[in-house]
């Protein structure tokens, strides 16, 4: 009986040490894998695509002529490749306009976090 009681106390002590251990830090942020980019054309036409950071480029497969874009500028820096040429980077203060307006073939983004 003494052996059982001492074993029970040993297990209880071990469990109290385990439960006293600090939990893993769940507040640690991991960098996002992509940024959502919305591309706007004329007459209210638009579409949104996710651009992944670990890929060379994300192809849009959309013929809409784009004049402005929006995405989280604090999260990513993006380059837009049009059917004619690499377009100018969007100007945030100018409503995210890209120039000249054209069909965007692909987008590549770099994570800033």
PDB file of N, CA and C in Angstrom:
ATOM      1  N   UNK A   1       0.816  -1.188   0.000  1.00  0.00           N
ATOM      2  CA  UNK A   1       0.000   0.000   0.000  1.00  0.00           C
ATOM      3  C   UNK A   1       0.859   1.249   0.000  1.00  0.00           C
ATOM      4  N   UNK A   2       1.990   1.198   0.713  1.00  0.00           N
ATOM      5  CA  UNK A   2       2.884   2.348   0.766  1.00  0.00           C
ATOM      6  C   UNK A   2       3.455   2.618  -0.622  1.00  0.00           C
ATOM      7  N   UNK A   3       3.786   1.554  -1.334  1.00  0.00           N
ATOM      8  CA  UNK A   3       4.342   1.699  -2.682  1.00  0.00           C
ATOM      9  C   UNK A   3       3.317   2.344  -3.615  1.00  0.00           C
ATOM     10  N   UNK A   4       2.069   1.935  -3.518  1.00  0.00           N
ATOM     11  CA  UNK A   4       1.021   2.503  -4.353  1.00  0.00           C
ATOM     12  C   UNK A   4       0.816   3.977  -4.032  1.00  0.00           C
ATOM     13  N   UNK A   5       0.798   4.336  -2.749  1.00  0.00           N
ATOM     14  CA  UNK A   5       0.591   5.718  -2.324  1.00  0.00           C
ATOM     15  C   UNK A   5       1.742   6.598  -2.783  1.00  0.00           C
ATOM     16  N   UNK A   6       2.982   6.123  -2.616  1.00  0.00           N
ATOM     17  CA  UNK A   6       4.127   6.930  -3.034  1.00  0.00           C
ATOM     18  C   UNK A   6       4.153   7.078  -4.559  1.00  0.00           C
ATOM     19  N   UNK A   7       3.741   6.035  -5.272  1.00  0.00           N
ATOM     20  CA  UNK A   7       3.671   6.131  -6.734  1.00  0.00           C
ATOM     21  C   UNK A   7       2.606   7.133  -7.156  1.00  0.00           C
ATOM     22  N   UNK A   8       1.487   7.131  -6.454  1.00  0.00           N
ATOM     23  CA  UNK A   8       0.412   8.059  -6.754  1.00  0.00           C
ATOM     24  C   UNK A   8       0.862   9.494  -6.535  1.00  0.00           C
ATOM     25  N   UNK A   9       1.591   9.747  -5.440  1.00  0.00           N
ATOM     26  CA  UNK A   9       2.105  11.090  -5.170  1.00  0.00           C
ATOM     27  C   UNK A   9       3.145  11.503  -6.216  1.00  0.00           C
ATOM     28  N   UNK A  10       3.963  10.572  -6.661  1.00  0.00           N
ATOM     29  CA  UNK A  10       4.977  10.875  -7.674  1.00  0.00           C
ATOM     30  C   UNK A  10       4.315  11.256  -8.996  1.00  0.00           C
ATOM     31  N   UNK A  11       3.266  10.527  -9.369  1.00  0.00           N
ATOM     32  CA  UNK A  11       2.552  10.840 -10.607  1.00  0.00           C
ATOM     33  C   UNK A  11       1.856  12.192 -10.484  1.00  0.00           C
ATOM     34  N   UNK A  12       1.248  12.460  -9.344  1.00  0.00           N
ATOM     35  CA  UNK A  12       0.570  13.738  -9.129  1.00  0.00           C
ATOM     36  C   UNK A  12       1.565  14.891  -9.198  1.00  0.00           C
ATOM     37  N   UNK A  13       2.743  14.712  -8.615  1.00  0.00           N
ATOM     38  CA  UNK A  13       3.770  15.755  -8.656  1.00  0.00           C
ATOM     39  C   UNK A  13       4.244  15.993 -10.091  1.00  0.00           C
ATOM     40  N   UNK A  14       4.424  14.923 -10.845  1.00  0.00           N
ATOM     41  CA  UNK A  14       4.861  15.059 -12.236  1.00  0.00           C
ATOM     42  C   UNK A  14       3.800  15.778 -13.066  1.00  0.00           C
ATOM     43  N   UNK A  15       2.542  15.452 -12.842  1.00  0.00           N
ATOM     44  CA  UNK A  15       1.470  16.115 -13.575  1.00  0.00           C
ATOM     45  C   UNK A  15       1.377  17.591 -13.227  1.00  0.00           C
ATOM     46  N   UNK A  16       1.631  17.942 -11.982  1.00  0.00           N
ATOM     47  CA  UNK A  16       1.579  19.353 -11.607  1.00  0.00           C
ATOM     48  C   UNK A  16       2.700  20.134 -12.277  1.00  0.00           C
ATOM     49  N   UNK A  17       3.858  19.500 -12.482  1.00  0.00           N
ATOM     50  CA  UNK A  17       4.957  20.166 -13.181  1.00  0.00           C
ATOM     51  C   UNK A  17       4.629  20.355 -14.659  1.00  0.00           C
ATOM     52  N   UNK A  18       4.000  19.362 -15.252  1.00  0.00           N
ATOM     53  CA  UNK A  18       3.640  19.461 -16.666  1.00  0.00           C
ATOM     54  C   UNK A  18       2.607  20.549 -16.866  1.00  0.00           C
ATOM     55  N   UNK A  19       1.626  20.616 -15.992  1.00  0.00           N
ATOM     56  CA  UNK A  19       0.582  21.617 -16.151  1.00  0.00           C
ATOM     57  C   UNK A  19       1.096  23.014 -15.842  1.00  0.00           C
ATOM     58  N   UNK A  20       2.196  23.134 -15.116  1.00  0.00           N
ATOM     59  CA  UNK A  20       2.757  24.434 -14.796  1.00  0.00           C
ATOM     60  C   UNK A  20       3.646  24.961 -15.915  1.00  0.00           C
ATOM     61  N   UNK A  21       3.968  24.122 -16.878  1.00  0.00           N
ATOM     62  CA  UNK A  21       4.823  24.556 -17.985  1.00  0.00           C
ATOM     63  C   UNK A  21       4.084  25.592 -18.824  1.00  0.00           C
ATOM     64  N   UNK A  22       4.783  26.618 -19.280  1.00  0.00           N
ATOM     65  CA  UNK A  22       4.112  27.652 -20.079  1.00  0.00           C
ATOM     66  C   UNK A  22       3.647  27.091 -21.422  1.00  0.00           C
ATOM     67  N   UNK A  23       2.514  27.575 -21.861  1.00  0.00           N
ATOM     68  CA  UNK A  23       1.974  27.140 -23.152  1.00  0.00           C
ATOM     69  C   UNK A  23       2.799  27.744 -24.279  1.00  0.00           C
ATOM     70  N   UNK A  24       2.743  27.132 -25.413  1.00  0.00           N
ATOM     71  CA  UNK A  24       3.456  27.657 -26.580  1.00  0.00           C
ATOM     72  C   UNK A  24       2.902  29.033 -26.925  1.00  0.00           C
ATOM     73  N   UNK A  25       3.750  29.906 -27.405  1.00  0.00           N
ATOM     74  CA  UNK A  25       3.351  31.262 -27.749  1.00  0.00           C
ATOM     75  C   UNK A  25       2.516  31.234 -29.027  1.00  0.00           C
ATOM     76  N   UNK A  26       1.204  31.338 -28.871  1.00  0.00           N
ATOM     77  CA  UNK A  26       0.317  31.298 -30.023  1.00  0.00           C
ATOM     78  C   UNK A  26       0.150  32.671 -30.650  1.00  0.00           C
ATOM     79  N   UNK A  27       0.686  33.700 -29.995  1.00  0.00           N
ATOM     80  CA  UNK A  27       0.539  35.040 -30.537  1.00  0.00           C
ATOM     81  C   UNK A  27       1.591  35.361 -31.591  1.00  0.00           C
ATOM     82  N   UNK A  28       2.573  34.485 -31.774  1.00  0.00           N
ATOM     83  CA  UNK A  28       3.611  34.736 -32.774  1.00  0.00           C
ATOM     84  C   UNK A  28       2.982  34.725 -34.161  1.00  0.00           C
ATOM     85  N   UNK A  29       3.220  35.783 -34.921  1.00  0.00           N
ATOM     86  CA  UNK A  29       2.650  35.895 -36.265  1.00  0.00           C
ATOM     87  C   UNK A  29       3.565  35.271 -37.293  1.00  0.00           C
ATOM     88  N   UNK A  30       2.943  34.632 -38.234  1.00  0.00           N
ATOM     89  CA  UNK A  30       3.698  34.133 -39.372  1.00  0.00           C
ATOM     90  C   UNK A  30       3.356  35.016 -40.565  1.00  0.00           C
ATOM     91  N   UNK A  31       4.289  35.155 -41.450  1.00  0.00           N
ATOM     92  CA  UNK A  31       4.062  35.981 -42.630  1.00  0.00           C
ATOM     93  C   UNK A  31       2.982  35.343 -43.499  1.00  0.00           C
ATOM     94  N   UNK A  32       2.110  36.156 -44.081  1.00  0.00           N
ATOM     95  CA  UNK A  32       1.073  35.597 -44.951  1.00  0.00           C
ATOM     96  C   UNK A  32       1.679  35.004 -46.216  1.00  0.00           C
ATOM     97  N   UNK A  33       0.954  34.113 -46.837  1.00  0.00           N
ATOM     98  CA  UNK A  33       1.441  33.433 -48.039  1.00  0.00           C
ATOM     99  C   UNK A  33       1.077  34.175 -49.319  1.00  0.00           C
ATOM    100  N   UNK A  34       0.079  35.068 -49.249  1.00  0.00           N
ATOM    101  CA  UNK A  34      -0.376  35.757 -50.458  1.00  0.00           C
ATOM    102  C   UNK A  34      -0.998  37.098 -50.105  1.00  0.00           C
ATOM    103  N   UNK A  35      -1.236  37.907 -51.130  1.00  0.00           N
ATOM    104  CA  UNK A  35      -1.976  39.157 -50.986  1.00  0.00           C
ATOM    105  C   UNK A  35      -3.112  39.134 -52.016  1.00  0.00           C
ATOM    106  N   UNK A  36      -4.279  39.588 -51.612  1.00  0.00           N
ATOM    107  CA  UNK A  36      -5.418  39.678 -52.528  1.00  0.00           C
ATOM    108  C   UNK A  36      -5.299  40.981 -53.315  1.00  0.00           C
ATOM    109  N   UNK A  37      -5.350  40.879 -54.637  1.00  0.00           N
ATOM    110  CA  UNK A  37      -5.234  42.038 -55.519  1.00  0.00           C
ATOM    111  C   UNK A  37      -6.532  42.160 -56.313  1.00  0.00           C
ATOM    112  N   UNK A  38      -7.148  43.351 -56.260  1.00  0.00           N
ATOM    113  CA  UNK A  38      -8.350  43.618 -57.042  1.00  0.00           C
ATOM    114  C   UNK A  38      -7.978  44.541 -58.194  1.00  0.00           C
ATOM    115  N   UNK A  39      -8.371  44.159 -59.398  1.00  0.00           N
ATOM    116  CA  UNK A  39      -8.060  44.913 -60.611  1.00  0.00           C
ATOM    117  C   UNK A  39      -9.358  45.495 -61.160  1.00  0.00           C
ATOM    118  N   UNK A  40      -9.338  46.798 -61.496  1.00  0.00           N
ATOM    119  CA  UNK A  40     -10.537  47.513 -61.925  1.00  0.00           C
ATOM    120  C   UNK A  40     -10.413  47.963 -63.377  1.00  0.00           C
ATOM    121  N   UNK A  41     -11.476  47.740 -64.132  1.00  0.00           N
ATOM    122  CA  UNK A  41     -11.562  48.203 -65.509  1.00  0.00           C
ATOM    123  C   UNK A  41     -12.612  49.293 -65.621  1.00  0.00           C
ATOM    124  N   UNK A  42     -13.096  49.508 -66.828  1.00  0.00           N
ATOM    125  CA  UNK A  42     -14.107  50.530 -67.078  1.00  0.00           C
ATOM    126  C   UNK A  42     -15.490  50.045 -66.662  1.00  0.00           C
ATOM    127  N   UNK A  43     -16.382  50.999 -66.428  1.00  0.00           N
ATOM    128  CA  UNK A  43     -17.803  50.742 -66.148  1.00  0.00           C
ATOM    129  C   UNK A  43     -18.023  49.821 -64.955  1.00  0.00           C
ATOM    130  N   UNK A  44     -17.161  49.907 -63.952  1.00  0.00           N
ATOM    131  CA  UNK A  44     -17.340  49.136 -62.728  1.00  0.00           C
ATOM    132  C   UNK A  44     -16.920  47.682 -62.802  1.00  0.00           C
ATOM    133  N   UNK A  45     -16.366  47.255 -63.915  1.00  0.00           N
ATOM    134  CA  UNK A  45     -15.909  45.863 -64.036  1.00  0.00           C
ATOM    135  C   UNK A  45     -14.646  45.663 -63.201  1.00  0.00           C
ATOM    136  N   UNK A  46     -14.555  44.522 -62.531  1.00  0.00           N
ATOM    137  CA  UNK A  46     -13.375  44.234 -61.705  1.00  0.00           C
ATOM    138  C   UNK A  46     -13.284  42.738 -61.443  1.00  0.00           C
ATOM    139  N   UNK A  47     -12.121  42.331 -60.966  1.00  0.00           N
ATOM    140  CA  UNK A  47     -11.941  40.961 -60.494  1.00  0.00           C
ATOM    141  C   UNK A  47     -10.822  40.953 -59.461  1.00  0.00           C
ATOM    142  N   UNK A  48     -10.820  39.927 -58.615  1.00  0.00           N
ATOM    143  CA  UNK A  48      -9.828  39.795 -57.551  1.00  0.00           C
ATOM    144  C   UNK A  48      -9.091  38.476 -57.724  1.00  0.00           C
ATOM    145  N   UNK A  49      -7.789  38.511 -57.493  1.00  0.00           N
ATOM    146  CA  UNK A  49      -6.973  37.302 -57.554  1.00  0.00           C
ATOM    147  C   UNK A  49      -5.986  37.307 -56.395  1.00  0.00           C
ATOM    148  N   UNK A  50      -5.641  36.131 -55.900  1.00  0.00           N
ATOM    149  CA  UNK A  50      -4.636  35.999 -54.845  1.00  0.00           C
ATOM    150  C   UNK A  50      -3.274  35.823 -55.496  1.00  0.00           C
ATOM    151  N   UNK A  51      -2.317  36.665 -55.093  1.00  0.00           N
ATOM    152  CA  UNK A  51      -0.961  36.590 -55.630  1.00  0.00           C
ATOM    153  C   UNK A  51      -0.068  36.028 -54.528  1.00  0.00           C
ATOM    154  N   UNK A  52       0.478  34.844 -54.759  1.00  0.00           N
ATOM    155  CA  UNK A  52       1.306  34.165 -53.766  1.00  0.00           C
ATOM    156  C   UNK A  52       2.734  34.684 -53.823  1.00  0.00           C
ATOM    157  N   UNK A  53       3.339  34.837 -52.648  1.00  0.00           N
ATOM    158  CA  UNK A  53       4.682  35.404 -52.553  1.00  0.00           C
ATOM    159  C   UNK A  53       5.769  34.427 -52.977  1.00  0.00           C
ATOM    160  N   UNK A  54       5.548  33.146 -52.876  1.00  0.00           N
ATOM    161  CA  UNK A  54       6.603  32.174 -53.148  1.00  0.00           C
ATOM    162  C   UNK A  54       6.666  31.746 -54.610  1.00  0.00           C
ATOM    163  N   UNK A  55       5.868  32.362 -55.468  1.00  0.00           N
ATOM    164  CA  UNK A  55       5.853  32.005 -56.879  1.00  0.00           C
ATOM    165  C   UNK A  55       6.460  33.129 -57.709  1.00  0.00           C
ATOM    166  N   UNK A  56       6.899  32.802 -58.920  1.00  0.00           N
ATOM    167  CA  UNK A  56       7.475  33.819 -59.798  1.00  0.00           C
ATOM    168  C   UNK A  56       6.431  34.846 -60.220  1.00  0.00           C
ATOM    169  N   UNK A  57       5.307  34.392 -60.700  1.00  0.00           N
ATOM    170  CA  UNK A  57       4.242  35.293 -61.147  1.00  0.00           C
ATOM    171  C   UNK A  57       2.911  34.567 -61.069  1.00  0.00           C
ATOM    172  N   UNK A  58       1.849  35.345 -60.883  1.00  0.00           N
ATOM    173  CA  UNK A  58       0.498  34.803 -60.903  1.00  0.00           C
ATOM    174  C   UNK A  58      -0.165  35.306 -62.179  1.00  0.00           C
ATOM    175  N   UNK A  59      -0.602  34.396 -63.021  1.00  0.00           N
ATOM    176  CA  UNK A  59      -1.247  34.773 -64.280  1.00  0.00           C
ATOM    177  C   UNK A  59      -2.724  35.039 -64.037  1.00  0.00           C
ATOM    178  N   UNK A  60      -3.259  36.078 -64.691  1.00  0.00           N
ATOM    179  CA  UNK A  60      -4.635  36.495 -64.444  1.00  0.00           C
ATOM    180  C   UNK A  60      -5.652  35.785 -65.331  1.00  0.00           C
ATOM    181  N   UNK A  61      -5.294  35.436 -66.552  1.00  0.00           N
ATOM    182  CA  UNK A  61      -6.204  34.784 -67.500  1.00  0.00           C
ATOM    183  C   UNK A  61      -7.509  35.566 -67.642  1.00  0.00           C
ATOM    184  N   UNK A  62      -7.386  36.917 -67.737  1.00  0.00           N
ATOM    185  CA  UNK A  62      -8.551  37.777 -67.866  1.00  0.00           C
ATOM    186  C   UNK A  62      -8.231  38.875 -68.878  1.00  0.00           C
ATOM    187  N   UNK A  63      -9.139  39.120 -69.828  1.00  0.00           N
ATOM    188  CA  UNK A  63      -8.907  40.090 -70.902  1.00  0.00           C
ATOM    189  C   UNK A  63      -9.313  41.520 -70.554  1.00  0.00           C
ATOM    190  N   UNK A  64      -9.830  41.757 -69.361  1.00  0.00           N
ATOM    191  CA  UNK A  64     -10.293  43.087 -68.980  1.00  0.00           C
ATOM    192  C   UNK A  64      -9.141  44.089 -69.005  1.00  0.00           C
ATOM    193  N   UNK A  65      -9.357  45.249 -69.633  1.00  0.00           N
ATOM    194  CA  UNK A  65      -8.355  46.314 -69.646  1.00  0.00           C
ATOM    195  C   UNK A  65      -8.388  47.019 -68.291  1.00  0.00           C
ATOM    196  N   UNK A  66      -7.263  47.033 -67.605  1.00  0.00           N
ATOM    197  CA  UNK A  66      -7.182  47.508 -66.225  1.00  0.00           C
ATOM    198  C   UNK A  66      -6.639  48.930 -66.175  1.00  0.00           C
ATOM    199  N   UNK A  67      -7.305  49.766 -65.358  1.00  0.00           N
ATOM    200  CA  UNK A  67      -6.828  51.133 -65.174  1.00  0.00           C
ATOM    201  C   UNK A  67      -6.410  51.416 -63.738  1.00  0.00           C
ATOM    202  N   UNK A  68      -6.875  50.613 -62.778  1.00  0.00           N
ATOM    203  CA  UNK A  68      -6.443  50.801 -61.389  1.00  0.00           C
ATOM    204  C   UNK A  68      -6.501  49.476 -60.638  1.00  0.00           C
ATOM    205  N   UNK A  69      -5.762  49.424 -59.543  1.00  0.00           N
ATOM    206  CA  UNK A  69      -5.685  48.213 -58.720  1.00  0.00           C
ATOM    207  C   UNK A  69      -5.750  48.600 -57.255  1.00  0.00           C
ATOM    208  N   UNK A  70      -6.096  47.627 -56.424  1.00  0.00           N
ATOM    209  CA  UNK A  70      -6.019  47.838 -54.977  1.00  0.00           C
ATOM    210  C   UNK A  70      -5.538  46.556 -54.315  1.00  0.00           C
ATOM    211  N   UNK A  71      -4.699  46.732 -53.300  1.00  0.00           N
ATOM    212  CA  UNK A  71      -4.202  45.633 -52.476  1.00  0.00           C
ATOM    213  C   UNK A  71      -3.627  46.255 -51.222  1.00  0.00           C
ATOM    214  N   UNK A  72      -3.253  45.447 -50.253  1.00  0.00           N
ATOM    215  CA  UNK A  72      -2.708  45.940 -48.990  1.00  0.00           C
ATOM    216  C   UNK A  72      -1.262  46.393 -49.214  1.00  0.00           C
ATOM    217  N   UNK A  73      -1.080  47.706 -49.360  1.00  0.00           N
ATOM    218  CA  UNK A  73       0.246  48.261 -49.652  1.00  0.00           C
ATOM    219  C   UNK A  73       1.209  48.135 -48.474  1.00  0.00           C
ATOM    220  N   UNK A  74       0.680  47.917 -47.277  1.00  0.00           N
ATOM    221  CA  UNK A  74       1.544  47.698 -46.108  1.00  0.00           C
ATOM    222  C   UNK A  74       2.074  46.270 -46.085  1.00  0.00           C
ATOM    223  N   UNK A  75       1.390  45.373 -46.781  1.00  0.00           N
ATOM    224  CA  UNK A  75       1.747  43.958 -46.800  1.00  0.00           C
ATOM    225  C   UNK A  75       2.665  43.600 -47.959  1.00  0.00           C
ATOM    226  N   UNK A  76       2.475  44.240 -49.122  1.00  0.00           N
ATOM    227  CA  UNK A  76       3.195  43.791 -50.319  1.00  0.00           C
ATOM    228  C   UNK A  76       3.515  44.936 -51.269  1.00  0.00           C
ATOM    229  N   UNK A  77       4.550  44.711 -52.057  1.00  0.00           N
ATOM    230  CA  UNK A  77       4.869  45.562 -53.203  1.00  0.00           C
ATOM    231  C   UNK A  77       4.654  44.695 -54.437  1.00  0.00           C
ATOM    232  N   UNK A  78       3.818  45.159 -55.362  1.00  0.00           N
ATOM    233  CA  UNK A  78       3.461  44.341 -56.517  1.00  0.00           C
ATOM    234  C   UNK A  78       3.876  44.998 -57.827  1.00  0.00           C
ATOM    235  N   UNK A  79       4.236  44.164 -58.782  1.00  0.00           N
ATOM    236  CA  UNK A  79       4.557  44.593 -60.137  1.00  0.00           C
ATOM    237  C   UNK A  79       3.553  43.945 -61.078  1.00  0.00           C
ATOM    238  N   UNK A  80       3.031  44.745 -62.001  1.00  0.00           N
ATOM    239  CA  UNK A  80       1.996  44.291 -62.926  1.00  0.00           C
ATOM    240  C   UNK A  80       2.575  44.232 -64.334  1.00  0.00           C
ATOM    241  N   UNK A  81       2.346  43.116 -65.002  1.00  0.00           N
ATOM    242  CA  UNK A  81       2.846  42.918 -66.358  1.00  0.00           C
ATOM    243  C   UNK A  81       1.668  42.913 -67.316  1.00  0.00           C
ATOM    244  N   UNK A  82       1.633  43.922 -68.192  1.00  0.00           N
ATOM    245  CA  UNK A  82       0.536  44.071 -69.128  1.00  0.00           C
ATOM    246  C   UNK A  82       0.812  43.389 -70.449  1.00  0.00           C
ATOM    247  N   UNK A  83      -0.212  43.384 -71.293  1.00  0.00           N
ATOM    248  CA  UNK A  83      -0.094  42.752 -72.600  1.00  0.00           C
ATOM    249  C   UNK A  83       0.909  43.507 -73.480  1.00  0.00           C
ATOM    250  N   UNK A  84       1.069  44.803 -73.233  1.00  0.00           N
ATOM    251  CA  UNK A  84       1.982  45.623 -74.026  1.00  0.00           C
ATOM    252  C   UNK A  84       3.363  45.747 -73.398  1.00  0.00           C
ATOM    253  N   UNK A  85       3.413  45.813 -72.083  1.00  0.00           N
ATOM    254  CA  UNK A  85       4.674  46.063 -71.385  1.00  0.00           C
ATOM    255  C   UNK A  85       4.460  45.940 -69.883  1.00  0.00           C
ATOM    256  N   UNK A  86       5.558  46.054 -69.136  1.00  0.00           N
ATOM    257  CA  UNK A  86       5.428  46.150 -67.685  1.00  0.00           C
ATOM    258  C   UNK A  86       4.818  47.508 -67.399  1.00  0.00           C
ATOM    259  N   UNK A  87       3.723  47.533 -66.650  1.00  0.00           N
ATOM    260  CA  UNK A  87       3.048  48.798 -66.378  1.00  0.00           C
ATOM    261  C   UNK A  87       3.739  49.525 -65.245  1.00  0.00           C
ATOM    262  N   UNK A  88       3.433  50.796 -65.140  1.00  0.00           N
ATOM    263  CA  UNK A  88       3.974  51.596 -64.048  1.00  0.00           C
ATOM    264  C   UNK A  88       3.400  51.079 -62.740  1.00  0.00           C
ATOM    265  N   UNK A  89       4.187  51.116 -61.663  1.00  0.00           N
ATOM    266  CA  UNK A  89       3.642  50.675 -60.375  1.00  0.00           C
ATOM    267  C   UNK A  89       2.455  51.549 -59.985  1.00  0.00           C
ATOM    268  N   UNK A  90       1.463  50.991 -59.318  1.00  0.00           N
ATOM    269  CA  UNK A  90       0.297  51.788 -58.943  1.00  0.00           C
ATOM    270  C   UNK A  90       0.678  52.898 -57.970  1.00  0.00           C
ATOM    271  N   UNK A  91       0.081  54.047 -58.169  1.00  0.00           N
ATOM    272  CA  UNK A  91       0.327  55.191 -57.298  1.00  0.00           C
ATOM    273  C   UNK A  91      -0.782  55.224 -56.256  1.00  0.00           C
ATOM    274  N   UNK A  92      -0.419  55.005 -55.004  1.00  0.00           N
ATOM    275  CA  UNK A  92      -1.408  54.894 -53.932  1.00  0.00           C
ATOM    276  C   UNK A  92      -2.221  56.176 -53.804  1.00  0.00           C
ATOM    277  N   UNK A  93      -1.553  57.329 -53.827  1.00  0.00           N
ATOM    278  CA  UNK A  93      -2.253  58.598 -53.634  1.00  0.00           C
ATOM    279  C   UNK A  93      -3.150  58.942 -54.819  1.00  0.00           C
ATOM    280  N   UNK A  94      -2.983  58.266 -55.925  1.00  0.00           N
ATOM    281  CA  UNK A  94      -3.775  58.528 -57.123  1.00  0.00           C
ATOM    282  C   UNK A  94      -4.827  57.435 -57.334  1.00  0.00           C
ATOM    283  N   UNK A  95      -5.284  56.818 -56.276  1.00  0.00           N
ATOM    284  CA  UNK A  95      -6.338  55.806 -56.365  1.00  0.00           C
ATOM    285  C   UNK A  95      -5.879  54.476 -56.921  1.00  0.00           C
ATOM    286  N   UNK A  96      -4.581  54.188 -56.853  1.00  0.00           N
ATOM    287  CA  UNK A  96      -4.068  52.913 -57.335  1.00  0.00           C
ATOM    288  C   UNK A  96      -4.058  52.784 -58.843  1.00  0.00           C
ATOM    289  N   UNK A  97      -3.984  53.911 -59.548  1.00  0.00           N
ATOM    290  CA  UNK A  97      -4.006  53.865 -61.010  1.00  0.00           C
ATOM    291  C   UNK A  97      -2.709  53.300 -61.562  1.00  0.00           C
ATOM    292  N   UNK A  98      -2.849  52.492 -62.591  1.00  0.00           N
ATOM    293  CA  UNK A  98      -1.693  51.979 -63.320  1.00  0.00           C
ATOM    294  C   UNK A  98      -1.737  52.582 -64.721  1.00  0.00           C
ATOM    295  N   UNK A  99      -0.602  52.673 -65.338  1.00  0.00           N
ATOM    296  CA  UNK A  99      -0.610  53.277 -66.661  1.00  0.00           C
ATOM    297  C   UNK A  99       0.381  52.611 -67.575  1.00  0.00           C
ATOM    298  N   UNK A 100       0.097  52.601 -68.826  1.00  0.00           N
ATOM    299  CA  UNK A 100      -1.201  52.932 -69.433  1.00  0.00           C
ATOM    300  C   UNK A 100      -2.212  51.808 -69.196  1.00  0.00           C
ATOM    301  N   UNK A 101      -3.537  52.128 -69.235  1.00  0.00           N
ATOM    302  CA  UNK A 101      -4.535  51.068 -69.056  1.00  0.00           C
ATOM    303  C   UNK A 101      -4.353  49.972 -70.101  1.00  0.00           C
ATOM    304  N   UNK A 102      -4.364  48.725 -69.648  1.00  0.00           N
ATOM    305  CA  UNK A 102      -4.187  47.593 -70.555  1.00  0.00           C
ATOM    306  C   UNK A 102      -4.562  46.299 -69.842  1.00  0.00           C
ATOM    307  N   UNK A 103      -4.651  45.232 -70.588  1.00  0.00           N
ATOM    308  CA  UNK A 103      -4.905  43.911 -70.019  1.00  0.00           C
ATOM    309  C   UNK A 103      -3.678  43.483 -69.222  1.00  0.00           C
ATOM    310  N   UNK A 104      -3.897  43.088 -67.972  1.00  0.00           N
ATOM    311  CA  UNK A 104      -2.801  42.623 -67.118  1.00  0.00           C
ATOM    312  C   UNK A 104      -2.665  41.116 -67.314  1.00  0.00           C
ATOM    313  N   UNK A 105      -1.486  40.693 -67.726  1.00  0.00           N
ATOM    314  CA  UNK A 105      -1.219  39.278 -67.985  1.00  0.00           C
ATOM    315  C   UNK A 105      -0.815  38.548 -66.709  1.00  0.00           C
ATOM    316  N   UNK A 106       0.074  39.170 -65.932  1.00  0.00           N
ATOM    317  CA  UNK A 106       0.542  38.520 -64.704  1.00  0.00           C
ATOM    318  C   UNK A 106       0.926  39.563 -63.667  1.00  0.00           C
ATOM    319  N   UNK A 107       1.034  39.089 -62.427  1.00  0.00           N
ATOM    320  CA  UNK A 107       1.363  39.946 -61.286  1.00  0.00           C
ATOM    321  C   UNK A 107       2.377  39.206 -60.430  1.00  0.00           C
ATOM    322  N   UNK A 108       3.369  39.920 -59.959  1.00  0.00           N
ATOM    323  CA  UNK A 108       4.271  39.346 -58.957  1.00  0.00           C
ATOM    324  C   UNK A 108       4.327  40.309 -57.785  1.00  0.00           C
ATOM    325  N   UNK A 109       4.356  39.759 -56.578  1.00  0.00           N
ATOM    326  CA  UNK A 109       4.351  40.575 -55.368  1.00  0.00           C
ATOM    327  C   UNK A 109       5.437  40.106 -54.413  1.00  0.00           C
ATOM    328  N   UNK A 110       5.978  41.060 -53.690  1.00  0.00           N
ATOM    329  CA  UNK A 110       6.990  40.796 -52.669  1.00  0.00           C
ATOM    330  C   UNK A 110       6.394  41.154 -51.318  1.00  0.00           C
ATOM    331  N   UNK A 111       6.484  40.250 -50.366  1.00  0.00           N
ATOM    332  CA  UNK A 111       5.954  40.479 -49.027  1.00  0.00           C
ATOM    333  C   UNK A 111       6.840  41.478 -48.293  1.00  0.00           C
ATOM    334  N   UNK A 112       6.229  42.468 -47.645  1.00  0.00           N
ATOM    335  CA  UNK A 112       6.971  43.485 -46.916  1.00  0.00           C
ATOM    336  C   UNK A 112       7.056  43.193 -45.423  1.00  0.00           C
ATOM    337  N   UNK A 113       6.412  42.138 -44.954  1.00  0.00           N
ATOM    338  CA  UNK A 113       6.447  41.807 -43.519  1.00  0.00           C
ATOM    339  C   UNK A 113       7.546  40.829 -43.211  1.00  0.00           C
TER     340      UNK A 113
END
